[in-house]
Amino acid sequence: MADRSEPGRKALTLQRFGLGLKQGQGGMLSDVRERLLAEIRSDGAAQPRVSFSGAAPIGRALYAFEDEERAARESRRIAGQQGAGQGVQVAAAPPAPGQPQGQMPRPAQPEPPFPAKVYREEAVARVQGALDAETGFAERLVQFWSNHFCVSVAKGNFVRAMAGAFEREAIRPNIFGRFEDLLIAVESHPAMLNFLDNQLSIGPDSRAGKRRGRGLNENLAREIMELHTLGVSGGYTQGDVTSLARIITGWTIVGRDARLGFPGSFAFNPGLHDPGGQKLLGKVYRQEGKEKGMAALADLARHPSTANFIARKLARHFVADDPPQALVAELARVFLETGGDLAALSRALVTSELAVAAPAAKLRTPQEFLVASFRALGRKPDFGQIAGPLGAMGQPLWQPSGPDGYPDTNAAWATPEGIKTRIDVAAQLGRQAAGSFADPRALVEELLGPLASPQTRQAVARAESKPQALALLLMSPEFQRR
């Protein structure tokens, strides 16, 4: 960055921890740290406004949709068999009024199926919340934790319909609470249980296991230890994975029969649970039912390996691919001393001189870049304007390729193809917004201020058109890096 003065430090701090300035926010730089800290609230991040309140109503509607789809397929199958047997020919529909004879009518735009409809609404609401935020620090933490505890809509209709509710119910209320509560909320959410197949896991010694001859699914237990808490080098064994898988048998999803509760919601099914004590990381857990899993997760949440793993990942996300070891150690210390208090951890991150003084080494991820661009240009995007660019840049909402989430290093996003796609997106945004700005040079001063280099100012000033000037602003190093 060009400017390391106090105004430059404040501008970079806001960019590092937030989502970028909006028009009219230039005065925020005078008290940027206080504004970031003000977003740390006991009730978590703000909730997007959507039609369905949570997993239970979505589950009920999803099961009804699937039943209707099944009935429609069966009706078509029977009608096809009857038509084939009777040699029935279907006459072409008559032309619509005013339509020339012989011209095919234009098909109506189909209504998206229920899971896609819910996903689209949740995606737009999530982005709108990021655009409405003052600094965006809380929203950045939502993105961080949602990627840390990721689910993927590529799994199928259940997760596609539930991904937004998962973030709203498990992540947002807990980003400034205790890590233990966040962990339990995540691992017991129907979206996570479905994504990692825990509803298929049956204790070998449970009533159902003895009757059906089916056994454990270790997917969720393995990812809890490797990706969510201890880390791959956290000191656990395959035996610990198996023990945890046994401990959380019975953590399942209520079916359409509503026998265990509201369809689509979490339930503990004692008939699937492996009884008896289980040894995990040297400790034997003998609690009954769901409480055994709760106790195991609580201990994993407070483990020193978890503190180190979370501290390094948080520092890598906000500061540098290879963050200062002293910063990682400080964050791990705060995590352990406060029992995983995420509000204290967030304050320690924002107020750390090591975090604030670091150079702008991180490239904004595609999601961060797109949201920052929308904020800068004052755009109110629809679903297509969100999904199209994110898909092209390789980071569609809630759709990582695996349970380890999207990568969080520059190498993943700064590829030649990745930069070329960003240029295309920036050019498209510049064309869409050009009519809203009399002079893009003024926008450079308003959005980048002391961060703007002479080279960036000159490039925007010499642009051949307003769309090109805006695209150059969005692709400038000062806008792309944080």
Foldseek 3Di string as FASTA:
>chain_A
DADPPLLQLLLVLLVLQFLFAFPPCLVCSVPNLVLLLVCQDLQFHDFFDDDDPAQQVLLLVVVVLVVVVVVVVVVVVVVVVVCVVVVDDDDDDADDVPDDPPDDDDDDDDDDRPLQVQLQRLVLRLLVSSLPDHSHNRVVLLVLVCQLQFAACVLDSLLSNHVSRLSRFQPGRPLQAFLLSSLVSSCLWLNSCSRQVLQVAFDCQFQVNVVVVDHGRLRSLVCCCCRVFQHPPNDFDPLQSVLLRLQPFQFHAADNVCPQHRHRGTGGDRRRHHADWGAHPRDIFHDDTPVSNSVVSLCRSQDLSRLLVVLQSVCCQRAHVRADPVSSVVLSVQCNVVSRRSSSSSSSQSPPPSRSSGDQHFFDQQVSLLSNLCSLLVHSDRSCLQQVLCVQLPHGPSHDPDSNGDDRHPVRQVDPSNLVSLLVNLLVSLVVRLVVDPACLVSCCSGQNSNDDPVLSVCLVPDPGRSRSRSSSSSPPSNRTD
